[in-house]
C-alpha atoms as a PDB file:
ATOM      1  CA  MET A   1     -71.425  18.744-203.475  1.00  0.00           C
ATOM      2  CA  PRO A   2     -72.863  17.252-199.726  1.00  0.00           C
ATOM      3  CA  ARG A   3     -71.858  14.021-198.518  1.00  0.00           C
ATOM      4  CA  ILE A   4     -74.816  11.869-197.368  1.00  0.00           C
ATOM      5  CA  ILE A   5     -73.801   8.075-195.631  1.00  0.00           C
ATOM      6  CA  TYR A   6     -76.612   6.013-195.587  1.00  0.00           C
ATOM      7  CA  ILE A   7     -75.984   2.930-193.429  1.00  0.00           C
ATOM      8  CA  THR A   8     -78.648  -0.214-193.779  1.00  0.00           C
ATOM      9  CA  HIS A   9     -79.372  -3.190-190.459  1.00  0.00           C
ATOM     10  CA  ASP A  10     -77.062  -5.020-192.398  1.00  0.00           C
ATOM     11  CA  GLU A  11     -73.687  -2.633-191.767  1.00  0.00           C
ATOM     12  CA  GLN A  12     -74.086  -1.709-195.896  1.00  0.00           C
ATOM     13  CA  ARG A  13     -73.351   1.300-196.185  1.00  0.00           C
ATOM     14  CA  PHE A  14     -73.801   4.279-199.025  1.00  0.00           C
ATOM     15  CA  GLU A  15     -72.172   7.456-200.098  1.00  0.00           C
ATOM     16  CA  VAL A  16     -74.378   9.046-202.069  1.00  0.00           C
ATOM     17  CA  GLU A  17     -73.406  12.912-203.663  1.00  0.00           C
ATOM     18  CA  ALA A  18     -76.954  14.786-202.760  1.00  0.00           C
ATOM     19  CA  ALA A  19     -77.731  18.529-204.675  1.00  0.00           C
ATOM     20  CA  ASN A  20     -79.098  21.193-202.215  1.00  0.00           C
ATOM     21  CA  GLY A  21     -82.252  21.688-202.139  1.00  0.00           C
ATOM     22  CA  ALA A  22     -82.869  17.810-202.223  1.00  0.00           C
ATOM     23  CA  THR A  23     -84.501  15.573-199.598  1.00  0.00           C
ATOM     24  CA  VAL A  24     -81.536  12.411-198.013  1.00  0.00           C
ATOM     25  CA  MET A  25     -85.293  10.494-199.294  1.00  0.00           C
ATOM     26  CA  GLU A  26     -85.041  11.613-202.496  1.00  0.00           C
ATOM     27  CA  THR A  27     -80.937  11.161-202.888  1.00  0.00           C
ATOM     28  CA  ALA A  28     -81.612   7.615-201.313  1.00  0.00           C
ATOM     29  CA  VAL A  29     -84.102   7.501-203.889  1.00  0.00           C
ATOM     30  CA  LYS A  30     -82.068   8.273-206.620  1.00  0.00           C
ATOM     31  CA  ALA A  31     -79.240   6.399-205.741  1.00  0.00           C
ATOM     32  CA  ASN A  32     -81.228   3.367-205.234  1.00  0.00           C
ATOM     33  CA  VAL A  33     -80.112   2.703-201.786  1.00  0.00           C
ATOM     34  CA  PRO A  34     -82.156  -0.129-200.256  1.00  0.00           C
ATOM     35  CA  GLY A  35     -84.223   0.374-197.076  1.00  0.00           C
ATOM     36  CA  ILE A  36     -86.239   3.356-198.169  1.00  0.00           C
ATOM     37  CA  GLU A  37     -89.888   2.824-199.282  1.00  0.00           C
ATOM     38  CA  ALA A  38     -90.946   6.217-199.742  1.00  0.00           C
ATOM     39  CA  GLU A  39     -94.488   5.270-200.856  1.00  0.00           C
ATOM     40  CA  CYS A  40     -95.561   8.613-200.183  1.00  0.00           C
ATOM     41  CA  GLY A  41     -93.380  10.353-202.820  1.00  0.00           C
ATOM     42  CA  GLY A  42     -92.443  12.843-199.744  1.00  0.00           C
ATOM     43  CA  ALA A  43     -95.178  14.350-198.723  1.00  0.00           C
ATOM     44  CA  CYS A  44     -94.963  13.122-194.976  1.00  0.00           C
ATOM     45  CA  ALA A  45     -97.587  10.872-194.772  1.00  0.00           C
ATOM     46  CA  CYS A  46     -96.475   7.990-194.252  1.00  0.00           C
ATOM     47  CA  ALA A  47     -93.354   7.000-191.997  1.00  0.00           C
ATOM     48  CA  THR A  48     -91.682   4.491-194.898  1.00  0.00           C
ATOM     49  CA  CYS A  49     -88.573   6.425-195.059  1.00  0.00           C
ATOM     50  CA  HIS A  50     -87.851   6.155-190.976  1.00  0.00           C
ATOM     51  CA  VAL A  51     -83.664   6.610-190.590  1.00  0.00           C
ATOM     52  CA  TYR A  52     -82.087   7.343-187.483  1.00  0.00           C
ATOM     53  CA  VAL A  53     -80.346  10.482-187.728  1.00  0.00           C
ATOM     54  CA  ASP A  54     -76.065  10.096-186.453  1.00  0.00           C
ATOM     55  CA  PRO A  55     -76.634  11.850-183.438  1.00  0.00           C
ATOM     56  CA  GLU A  56     -72.945  14.075-184.437  1.00  0.00           C
ATOM     57  CA  PHE A  57     -75.356  15.799-187.079  1.00  0.00           C
ATOM     58  CA  ALA A  58     -78.621  15.149-184.119  1.00  0.00           C
ATOM     59  CA  GLU A  59     -78.541  19.461-183.264  1.00  0.00           C
ATOM     60  CA  MET A  60     -77.994  20.577-187.316  1.00  0.00           C
ATOM     61  CA  VAL A  61     -80.936  18.640-188.646  1.00  0.00           C
ATOM     62  CA  GLY A  62     -82.692  19.938-185.427  1.00  0.00           C
ATOM     63  CA  GLU A  63     -86.914  18.263-184.475  1.00  0.00           C
ATOM     64  CA  ALA A  64     -89.317  16.918-186.355  1.00  0.00           C
ATOM     65  CA  GLY A  65     -91.953  19.715-186.780  1.00  0.00           C
ATOM     66  CA  PRO A  66     -95.549  18.210-184.889  1.00  0.00           C
ATOM     67  CA  MET A  67     -97.106  16.689-188.537  1.00  0.00           C
ATOM     68  CA  GLU A  68     -93.403  14.497-188.934  1.00  0.00           C
ATOM     69  CA  ALA A  69     -93.907  13.496-185.455  1.00  0.00           C
ATOM     70  CA  ASP A  70     -97.181  12.279-185.972  1.00  0.00           C
ATOM     71  CA  MET A  71     -96.189  10.122-188.664  1.00  0.00           C
ATOM     72  CA  LEU A  72     -92.827   8.787-186.727  1.00  0.00           C
ATOM     73  CA  ASP A  73     -95.740   7.381-184.356  1.00  0.00           C
ATOM     74  CA  PHE A  74     -95.944   4.546-187.068  1.00  0.00           C
ATOM     75  CA  ALA A  75     -92.640   4.451-187.830  1.00  0.00           C
ATOM     76  CA  TRP A  76     -91.223   0.871-186.858  1.00  0.00           C
ATOM     77  CA  GLU A  77     -88.994   1.364-183.840  1.00  0.00           C
ATOM     78  CA  PRO A  78     -89.076   5.069-183.660  1.00  0.00           C
ATOM     79  CA  ALA A  79     -86.009   6.281-181.324  1.00  0.00           C
ATOM     80  CA  ALA A  80     -85.250  10.118-179.756  1.00  0.00           C
ATOM     81  CA  ASN A  81     -83.288  10.439-182.964  1.00  0.00           C
ATOM     82  CA  SER A  82     -85.960   9.672-185.519  1.00  0.00           C
ATOM     83  CA  ARG A  83     -86.581  11.053-188.369  1.00  0.00           C
ATOM     84  CA  LEU A  84     -88.581  11.134-191.886  1.00  0.00           C
ATOM     85  CA  SER A  85     -85.999  11.534-194.521  1.00  0.00           C
ATOM     86  CA  CYS A  86     -88.524  13.332-196.429  1.00  0.00           C
ATOM     87  CA  GLN A  87     -88.080  15.837-194.179  1.00  0.00           C
ATOM     88  CA  LEU A  88     -84.479  16.253-194.041  1.00  0.00           C
ATOM     89  CA  ARG A  89     -83.241  18.981-196.330  1.00  0.00           C
ATOM     90  CA  VAL A  90     -79.645  19.042-197.918  1.00  0.00           C
ATOM     91  CA  GLY A  91     -77.222  21.521-197.373  1.00  0.00           C
ATOM     92  CA  ASP A  92     -73.640  22.032-197.180  1.00  0.00           C
ATOM     93  CA  ALA A  93     -73.640  21.903-192.936  1.00  0.00           C
ATOM     94  CA  LEU A  94     -74.899  18.628-193.843  1.00  0.00           C
ATOM     95  CA  ASP A  95     -72.330  17.444-195.778  1.00  0.00           C
ATOM     96  CA  GLY A  96     -71.657  13.751-194.228  1.00  0.00           C
ATOM     97  CA  LEU A  97     -74.439  13.296-192.763  1.00  0.00           C
ATOM     98  CA  ILE A  98     -75.260  10.015-191.676  1.00  0.00           C
ATOM     99  CA  VAL A  99     -78.071   8.217-191.336  1.00  0.00           C
ATOM    100  CA  ARG A 100     -78.814   4.680-190.516  1.00  0.00           C
ATOM    101  CA  ILE A 101     -82.086   2.798-192.161  1.00  0.00           C
ATOM    102  CA  PRO A 102     -84.012   0.518-189.895  1.00  0.00           C
ATOM    103  CA  ALA A 103     -84.819  -3.264-190.642  1.00  0.00           C
ATOM    104  CA  ARG A 104     -87.905  -2.371-191.668  1.00  0.00           C
ATOM    105  CA  GLN A 105     -90.674   0.670-192.563  1.00  0.00           C
ATOM    106  CA  GLY A 106     -93.676   1.463-190.907  1.00  0.00           C
END
């Protein structure tokens, strides 16, 4: 199973095994990783699962689609490497993915 590494704004580290096909958000919620609120449940209708993708994985996860990019406008302190974790589907290629969770969600 792929591992996803979540790092909170205060440098707490959570390494979680994720099921292939799950999202980075679903995996965080199931593992009780703090900071991922996921208010819309993964429908890409809010920005409460905002994360910063480690630059090493930026090419693998790709760019946000148009709907996600619109939602990222509501994220707190979005950056070039911002993504909504509900839109990141886990697969073997993402083993070791590092995402940082902002201090607050949008």
